[in-house]
Amino acid sequence: MYFKLAGEIESVELIAVGGRIREIMRLRKQYGHGRWRKLKGIALVRLENGNLRQAEIHWYEAHGIGRKKMKIKRFLE
């Protein structure tokens, strides 16, 4: 599902770090070594059809690499 962030991410929580991430080897191979973290938060997103929805999103990020593989886990409305 394609979407864009329409605001800031709020209520950011850490899910996993480093070796606790199931996909750590793929992340390192695809984007490079770094201190990878899996995070979740709540944000207002704009969907492909133009609708604005509040959603829980998950993503991976590493210092110097940035946010990667953002996905919507569920809608909150």
PDB file of N, CA and C in Angstrom:
ATOM      1  N   MET A   1       0.849  -1.183   0.000  1.00  0.00           N
ATOM      2  CA  MET A   1       0.000   0.000   0.000  1.00  0.00           C
ATOM      3  C   MET A   1       0.890   1.240   0.000  1.00  0.00           C
ATOM      4  N   TYR A   2       0.677   2.101  -0.953  1.00  0.00           N
ATOM      5  CA  TYR A   2       1.454   3.321  -1.070  1.00  0.00           C
ATOM      6  C   TYR A   2       0.838   4.414  -0.204  1.00  0.00           C
ATOM      7  N   PHE A   3       1.683   5.156   0.515  1.00  0.00           N
ATOM      8  CA  PHE A   3       1.202   6.263   1.335  1.00  0.00           C
ATOM      9  C   PHE A   3       2.332   7.256   1.555  1.00  0.00           C
ATOM     10  N   LYS A   4       1.962   8.468   1.975  1.00  0.00           N
ATOM     11  CA  LYS A   4       2.924   9.501   2.362  1.00  0.00           C
ATOM     12  C   LYS A   4       2.546  10.014   3.736  1.00  0.00           C
ATOM     13  N   LEU A   5       3.535  10.392   4.507  1.00  0.00           N
ATOM     14  CA  LEU A   5       3.259  10.985   5.809  1.00  0.00           C
ATOM     15  C   LEU A   5       2.687  12.381   5.605  1.00  0.00           C
ATOM     16  N   ALA A   6       1.611  12.688   6.323  1.00  0.00           N
ATOM     17  CA  ALA A   6       0.976  14.000   6.207  1.00  0.00           C
ATOM     18  C   ALA A   6       1.218  14.823   7.466  1.00  0.00           C
ATOM     19  N   GLY A   7       2.064  14.327   8.350  1.00  0.00           N
ATOM     20  CA  GLY A   7       2.376  15.031   9.588  1.00  0.00           C
ATOM     21  C   GLY A   7       3.519  14.334  10.294  1.00  0.00           C
ATOM     22  N   GLU A   8       3.755  14.748  11.512  1.00  0.00           N
ATOM     23  CA  GLU A   8       4.825  14.158  12.318  1.00  0.00           C
ATOM     24  C   GLU A   8       4.394  12.809  12.885  1.00  0.00           C
ATOM     25  N   ILE A   9       5.376  11.958  13.167  1.00  0.00           N
ATOM     26  CA  ILE A   9       5.109  10.673  13.818  1.00  0.00           C
ATOM     27  C   ILE A   9       5.102  10.909  15.319  1.00  0.00           C
ATOM     28  N   GLU A  10       4.056  10.454  15.990  1.00  0.00           N
ATOM     29  CA  GLU A  10       3.905  10.637  17.432  1.00  0.00           C
ATOM     30  C   GLU A  10       3.965   9.286  18.142  1.00  0.00           C
ATOM     31  N   SER A  11       4.136   9.326  19.445  1.00  0.00           N
ATOM     32  CA  SER A  11       4.135   8.119  20.291  1.00  0.00           C
ATOM     33  C   SER A  11       5.088   7.053  19.762  1.00  0.00           C
ATOM     34  N   VAL A  12       6.305   7.443  19.439  1.00  0.00           N
ATOM     35  CA  VAL A  12       7.296   6.515  18.892  1.00  0.00           C
ATOM     36  C   VAL A  12       7.762   5.562  19.996  1.00  0.00           C
ATOM     37  N   GLU A  13       7.750   4.267  19.681  1.00  0.00           N
ATOM     38  CA  GLU A  13       8.196   3.232  20.615  1.00  0.00           C
ATOM     39  C   GLU A  13       9.199   2.314  19.928  1.00  0.00           C
ATOM     40  N   LEU A  14      10.172   1.867  20.683  1.00  0.00           N
ATOM     41  CA  LEU A  14      11.172   0.928  20.197  1.00  0.00           C
ATOM     42  C   LEU A  14      10.605  -0.485  20.279  1.00  0.00           C
ATOM     43  N   ILE A  15      10.736  -1.249  19.203  1.00  0.00           N
ATOM     44  CA  ILE A  15      10.272  -2.640  19.189  1.00  0.00           C
ATOM     45  C   ILE A  15      11.453  -3.589  19.351  1.00  0.00           C
ATOM     46  N   ALA A  16      12.531  -3.368  18.575  1.00  0.00           N
ATOM     47  CA  ALA A  16      13.686  -4.267  18.607  1.00  0.00           C
ATOM     48  C   ALA A  16      14.941  -3.530  18.160  1.00  0.00           C
ATOM     49  N   VAL A  17      16.110  -4.058  18.581  1.00  0.00           N
ATOM     50  CA  VAL A  17      17.402  -3.469  18.222  1.00  0.00           C
ATOM     51  C   VAL A  17      18.349  -4.580  17.782  1.00  0.00           C
ATOM     52  N   GLY A  18      19.142  -4.299  16.747  1.00  0.00           N
ATOM     53  CA  GLY A  18      20.219  -5.196  16.316  1.00  0.00           C
ATOM     54  C   GLY A  18      19.786  -6.621  16.034  1.00  0.00           C
ATOM     55  N   GLY A  19      20.391  -7.570  16.735  1.00  0.00           N
ATOM     56  CA  GLY A  19      20.153  -8.995  16.521  1.00  0.00           C
ATOM     57  C   GLY A  19      18.745  -9.456  16.837  1.00  0.00           C
ATOM     58  N   ARG A  20      17.975  -8.640  17.529  1.00  0.00           N
ATOM     59  CA  ARG A  20      16.584  -8.987  17.845  1.00  0.00           C
ATOM     60  C   ARG A  20      15.650  -8.756  16.654  1.00  0.00           C
ATOM     61  N   ILE A  21      16.140  -8.085  15.618  1.00  0.00           N
ATOM     62  CA  ILE A  21      15.345  -7.838  14.413  1.00  0.00           C
ATOM     63  C   ILE A  21      15.480  -9.058  13.509  1.00  0.00           C
ATOM     64  N   ARG A  22      14.358  -9.648  13.115  1.00  0.00           N
ATOM     65  CA  ARG A  22      14.370 -10.847  12.276  1.00  0.00           C
ATOM     66  C   ARG A  22      15.072 -10.612  10.940  1.00  0.00           C
ATOM     67  N   GLU A  23      14.891  -9.449  10.352  1.00  0.00           N
ATOM     68  CA  GLU A  23      15.402  -9.169   9.012  1.00  0.00           C
ATOM     69  C   GLU A  23      16.741  -8.431   9.028  1.00  0.00           C
ATOM     70  N   ILE A  24      17.510  -8.540  10.087  1.00  0.00           N
ATOM     71  CA  ILE A  24      18.730  -7.753  10.238  1.00  0.00           C
ATOM     72  C   ILE A  24      19.744  -8.033   9.125  1.00  0.00           C
ATOM     73  N   MET A  25      19.881  -9.277   8.705  1.00  0.00           N
ATOM     74  CA  MET A  25      20.859  -9.601   7.661  1.00  0.00           C
ATOM     75  C   MET A  25      20.465  -8.966   6.326  1.00  0.00           C
ATOM     76  N   ARG A  26      19.178  -8.983   5.997  1.00  0.00           N
ATOM     77  CA  ARG A  26      18.712  -8.363   4.754  1.00  0.00           C
ATOM     78  C   ARG A  26      18.897  -6.855   4.805  1.00  0.00           C
ATOM     79  N   LEU A  27      18.616  -6.232   5.946  1.00  0.00           N
ATOM     80  CA  LEU A  27      18.798  -4.784   6.094  1.00  0.00           C
ATOM     81  C   LEU A  27      20.259  -4.396   5.897  1.00  0.00           C
ATOM     82  N   ARG A  28      21.155  -5.148   6.521  1.00  0.00           N
ATOM     83  CA  ARG A  28      22.587  -4.850   6.395  1.00  0.00           C
ATOM     84  C   ARG A  28      23.078  -5.041   4.966  1.00  0.00           C
ATOM     85  N   LYS A  29      22.583  -6.088   4.305  1.00  0.00           N
ATOM     86  CA  LYS A  29      23.005  -6.352   2.925  1.00  0.00           C
ATOM     87  C   LYS A  29      22.458  -5.290   1.974  1.00  0.00           C
ATOM     88  N   GLN A  30      21.212  -4.894   2.169  1.00  0.00           N
ATOM     89  CA  GLN A  30      20.563  -3.957   1.251  1.00  0.00           C
ATOM     90  C   GLN A  30      20.965  -2.503   1.495  1.00  0.00           C
ATOM     91  N   TYR A  31      21.086  -2.090   2.777  1.00  0.00           N
ATOM     92  CA  TYR A  31      21.314  -0.676   3.097  1.00  0.00           C
ATOM     93  C   TYR A  31      22.643  -0.387   3.785  1.00  0.00           C
ATOM     94  N   GLY A  32      23.332  -1.410   4.296  1.00  0.00           N
ATOM     95  CA  GLY A  32      24.617  -1.206   4.950  1.00  0.00           C
ATOM     96  C   GLY A  32      24.557  -1.435   6.451  1.00  0.00           C
ATOM     97  N   HIS A  33      25.727  -1.516   7.035  1.00  0.00           N
ATOM     98  CA  HIS A  33      25.820  -1.755   8.475  1.00  0.00           C
ATOM     99  C   HIS A  33      25.493  -0.476   9.225  1.00  0.00           C
ATOM    100  N   GLY A  34      24.907  -0.638  10.358  1.00  0.00           N
ATOM    101  CA  GLY A  34      24.545   0.482  11.212  1.00  0.00           C
ATOM    102  C   GLY A  34      23.844  -0.067  12.439  1.00  0.00           C
ATOM    103  N   ARG A  35      23.501   0.800  13.349  1.00  0.00           N
ATOM    104  CA  ARG A  35      22.758   0.380  14.539  1.00  0.00           C
ATOM    105  C   ARG A  35      21.273   0.390  14.177  1.00  0.00           C
ATOM    106  N   TRP A  36      20.802  -0.724  13.636  1.00  0.00           N
ATOM    107  CA  TRP A  36      19.430  -0.839  13.173  1.00  0.00           C
ATOM    108  C   TRP A  36      18.463  -0.976  14.333  1.00  0.00           C
ATOM    109  N   ARG A  37      17.351  -0.273  14.216  1.00  0.00           N
ATOM    110  CA  ARG A  37      16.280  -0.337  15.210  1.00  0.00           C
ATOM    111  C   ARG A  37      14.944  -0.473  14.487  1.00  0.00           C
ATOM    112  N   LYS A  38      14.046  -1.245  15.078  1.00  0.00           N
ATOM    113  CA  LYS A  38      12.688  -1.321  14.542  1.00  0.00           C
ATOM    114  C   LYS A  38      11.814  -0.493  15.475  1.00  0.00           C
ATOM    115  N   LEU A  39      11.028   0.417  14.879  1.00  0.00           N
ATOM    116  CA  LEU A  39      10.216   1.340  15.661  1.00  0.00           C
ATOM    117  C   LEU A  39       8.769   1.333  15.202  1.00  0.00           C
ATOM    118  N   LYS A  40       7.894   1.827  16.070  1.00  0.00           N
ATOM    119  CA  LYS A  40       6.497   2.008  15.688  1.00  0.00           C
ATOM    120  C   LYS A  40       6.021   3.341  16.223  1.00  0.00           C
ATOM    121  N   GLY A  41       5.006   3.895  15.569  1.00  0.00           N
ATOM    122  CA  GLY A  41       4.453   5.172  15.981  1.00  0.00           C
ATOM    123  C   GLY A  41       3.116   5.414  15.307  1.00  0.00           C
ATOM    124  N   ILE A  42       2.507   6.533  15.666  1.00  0.00           N
ATOM    125  CA  ILE A  42       1.209   6.905  15.120  1.00  0.00           C
ATOM    126  C   ILE A  42       1.387   8.163  14.284  1.00  0.00           C
ATOM    127  N   ALA A  43       0.781   8.162  13.089  1.00  0.00           N
ATOM    128  CA  ALA A  43       0.926   9.305  12.190  1.00  0.00           C
ATOM    129  C   ALA A  43      -0.310   9.449  11.313  1.00  0.00           C
ATOM    130  N   LEU A  44      -0.500  10.662  10.819  1.00  0.00           N
ATOM    131  CA  LEU A  44      -1.524  10.933   9.835  1.00  0.00           C
ATOM    132  C   LEU A  44      -0.901  10.643   8.471  1.00  0.00           C
ATOM    133  N   VAL A  45      -1.552   9.774   7.676  1.00  0.00           N
ATOM    134  CA  VAL A  45      -1.006   9.389   6.376  1.00  0.00           C
ATOM    135  C   VAL A  45      -1.994   9.712   5.265  1.00  0.00           C
ATOM    136  N   ARG A  46      -1.447  10.026   4.094  1.00  0.00           N
ATOM    137  CA  ARG A  46      -2.267  10.263   2.910  1.00  0.00           C
ATOM    138  C   ARG A  46      -2.139   9.033   2.016  1.00  0.00           C
ATOM    139  N   LEU A  47      -3.259   8.379   1.740  1.00  0.00           N
ATOM    140  CA  LEU A  47      -3.280   7.166   0.927  1.00  0.00           C
ATOM    141  C   LEU A  47      -3.274   7.500  -0.560  1.00  0.00           C
ATOM    142  N   GLU A  48      -3.142   6.473  -1.391  1.00  0.00           N
ATOM    143  CA  GLU A  48      -3.111   6.641  -2.848  1.00  0.00           C
ATOM    144  C   GLU A  48      -4.333   7.382  -3.377  1.00  0.00           C
ATOM    145  N   ASN A  49      -5.501   7.102  -2.797  1.00  0.00           N
ATOM    146  CA  ASN A  49      -6.740   7.714  -3.274  1.00  0.00           C
ATOM    147  C   ASN A  49      -6.968   9.121  -2.719  1.00  0.00           C
ATOM    148  N   GLY A  50      -6.027   9.636  -1.911  1.00  0.00           N
ATOM    149  CA  GLY A  50      -6.118  10.987  -1.382  1.00  0.00           C
ATOM    150  C   GLY A  50      -6.717  11.097   0.008  1.00  0.00           C
ATOM    151  N   ASN A  51      -7.235   9.993   0.549  1.00  0.00           N
ATOM    152  CA  ASN A  51      -7.814  10.015   1.897  1.00  0.00           C
ATOM    153  C   ASN A  51      -6.734  10.215   2.948  1.00  0.00           C
ATOM    154  N   LEU A  52      -7.084  10.940   4.005  1.00  0.00           N
ATOM    155  CA  LEU A  52      -6.206  11.098   5.163  1.00  0.00           C
ATOM    156  C   LEU A  52      -6.704  10.173   6.263  1.00  0.00           C
ATOM    157  N   ARG A  53      -5.808   9.358   6.814  1.00  0.00           N
ATOM    158  CA  ARG A  53      -6.182   8.420   7.868  1.00  0.00           C
ATOM    159  C   ARG A  53      -5.133   8.432   8.961  1.00  0.00           C
ATOM    160  N   GLN A  54      -5.549   8.200  10.183  1.00  0.00           N
ATOM    161  CA  GLN A  54      -4.638   8.025  11.316  1.00  0.00           C
ATOM    162  C   GLN A  54      -4.247   6.539  11.322  1.00  0.00           C
ATOM    163  N   ALA A  55      -2.957   6.252  11.391  1.00  0.00           N
ATOM    164  CA  ALA A  55      -2.509   4.864  11.296  1.00  0.00           C
ATOM    165  C   ALA A  55      -1.324   4.595  12.209  1.00  0.00           C
ATOM    166  N   GLU A  56      -1.207   3.327  12.603  1.00  0.00           N
ATOM    167  CA  GLU A  56      -0.001   2.874  13.293  1.00  0.00           C
ATOM    168  C   GLU A  56       0.958   2.418  12.205  1.00  0.00           C
ATOM    169  N   ILE A  57       2.168   2.950  12.225  1.00  0.00           N
ATOM    170  CA  ILE A  57       3.158   2.580  11.216  1.00  0.00           C
ATOM    171  C   ILE A  57       4.379   1.967  11.886  1.00  0.00           C
ATOM    172  N   HIS A  58       5.043   1.059  11.169  1.00  0.00           N
ATOM    173  CA  HIS A  58       6.279   0.433  11.629  1.00  0.00           C
ATOM    174  C   HIS A  58       7.352   0.728  10.599  1.00  0.00           C
ATOM    175  N   TRP A  59       8.598   0.852  11.057  1.00  0.00           N
ATOM    176  CA  TRP A  59       9.712   1.098  10.134  1.00  0.00           C
ATOM    177  C   TRP A  59      11.020   0.715  10.807  1.00  0.00           C
ATOM    178  N   TYR A  60      12.071   0.652   9.982  1.00  0.00           N
ATOM    179  CA  TYR A  60      13.432   0.400  10.456  1.00  0.00           C
ATOM    180  C   TYR A  60      14.225   1.679  10.249  1.00  0.00           C
ATOM    181  N   GLU A  61      15.180   1.936  11.140  1.00  0.00           N
ATOM    182  CA  GLU A  61      16.067   3.073  10.915  1.00  0.00           C
ATOM    183  C   GLU A  61      17.420   2.807  11.547  1.00  0.00           C
ATOM    184  N   ALA A  62      18.423   3.454  10.975  1.00  0.00           N
ATOM    185  CA  ALA A  62      19.795   3.368  11.484  1.00  0.00           C
ATOM    186  C   ALA A  62      20.419   4.749  11.359  1.00  0.00           C
ATOM    187  N   HIS A  63      21.288   5.080  12.280  1.00  0.00           N
ATOM    188  CA  HIS A  63      21.972   6.366  12.270  1.00  0.00           C
ATOM    189  C   HIS A  63      22.795   6.489  10.992  1.00  0.00           C
ATOM    190  N   GLY A  64      22.631   7.595  10.302  1.00  0.00           N
ATOM    191  CA  GLY A  64      23.365   7.835   9.067  1.00  0.00           C
ATOM    192  C   GLY A  64      22.726   7.218   7.836  1.00  0.00           C
ATOM    193  N   ILE A  65      21.733   6.366   8.022  1.00  0.00           N
ATOM    194  CA  ILE A  65      21.056   5.718   6.899  1.00  0.00           C
ATOM    195  C   ILE A  65      19.626   6.235   6.775  1.00  0.00           C
ATOM    196  N   GLY A  66      18.953   6.403   7.892  1.00  0.00           N
ATOM    197  CA  GLY A  66      17.604   6.951   7.889  1.00  0.00           C
ATOM    198  C   GLY A  66      16.513   5.902   7.980  1.00  0.00           C
ATOM    199  N   ARG A  67      15.275   6.331   7.772  1.00  0.00           N
ATOM    200  CA  ARG A  67      14.105   5.452   7.842  1.00  0.00           C
ATOM    201  C   ARG A  67      13.983   4.634   6.570  1.00  0.00           C
ATOM    202  N   LYS A  68      13.724   3.354   6.749  1.00  0.00           N
ATOM    203  CA  LYS A  68      13.548   2.446   5.613  1.00  0.00           C
ATOM    204  C   LYS A  68      12.366   1.527   5.883  1.00  0.00           C
ATOM    205  N   LYS A  69      11.748   1.063   4.806  1.00  0.00           N
ATOM    206  CA  LYS A  69      10.701   0.037   4.842  1.00  0.00           C
ATOM    207  C   LYS A  69       9.523   0.421   5.737  1.00  0.00           C
ATOM    208  N   MET A  70       8.970   1.611   5.548  1.00  0.00           N
ATOM    209  CA  MET A  70       7.791   2.028   6.312  1.00  0.00           C
ATOM    210  C   MET A  70       6.572   1.254   5.844  1.00  0.00           C
ATOM    211  N   LYS A  71       5.741   0.837   6.797  1.00  0.00           N
ATOM    212  CA  LYS A  71       4.514   0.135   6.430  1.00  0.00           C
ATOM    213  C   LYS A  71       3.413   0.444   7.430  1.00  0.00           C
ATOM    214  N   ILE A  72       2.188   0.422   6.952  1.00  0.00           N
ATOM    215  CA  ILE A  72       1.028   0.620   7.805  1.00  0.00           C
ATOM    216  C   ILE A  72       0.659  -0.714   8.412  1.00  0.00           C
ATOM    217  N   LYS A  73       0.562  -0.769   9.735  1.00  0.00           N
ATOM    218  CA  LYS A  73       0.158  -1.993  10.409  1.00  0.00           C
ATOM    219  C   LYS A  73      -1.343  -2.033  10.625  1.00  0.00           C
ATOM    220  N   ARG A  74      -1.932  -0.874  10.982  1.00  0.00           N
ATOM    221  CA  ARG A  74      -3.389  -0.828  11.155  1.00  0.00           C
ATOM    222  C   ARG A  74      -3.849   0.615  11.166  1.00  0.00           C
ATOM    223  N   PHE A  75      -5.121   0.791  10.795  1.00  0.00           N
ATOM    224  CA  PHE A  75      -5.734   2.112  10.856  1.00  0.00           C
ATOM    225  C   PHE A  75      -6.388   2.267  12.223  1.00  0.00           C
ATOM    226  N   LEU A  76      -6.367   3.470  12.760  1.00  0.00           N
ATOM    227  CA  LEU A  76      -6.863   3.705  14.114  1.00  0.00           C
ATOM    228  C   LEU A  76      -8.266   4.294  14.159  1.00  0.00           C
ATOM    229  N   GLU A  77      -8.846   4.619  13.027  1.00  0.00           N
ATOM    230  CA  GLU A  77     -10.181   5.219  13.020  1.00  0.00           C
ATOM    231  C   GLU A  77     -11.223   4.211  12.620  1.00  0.00           C
TER     232      GLU A  77
END
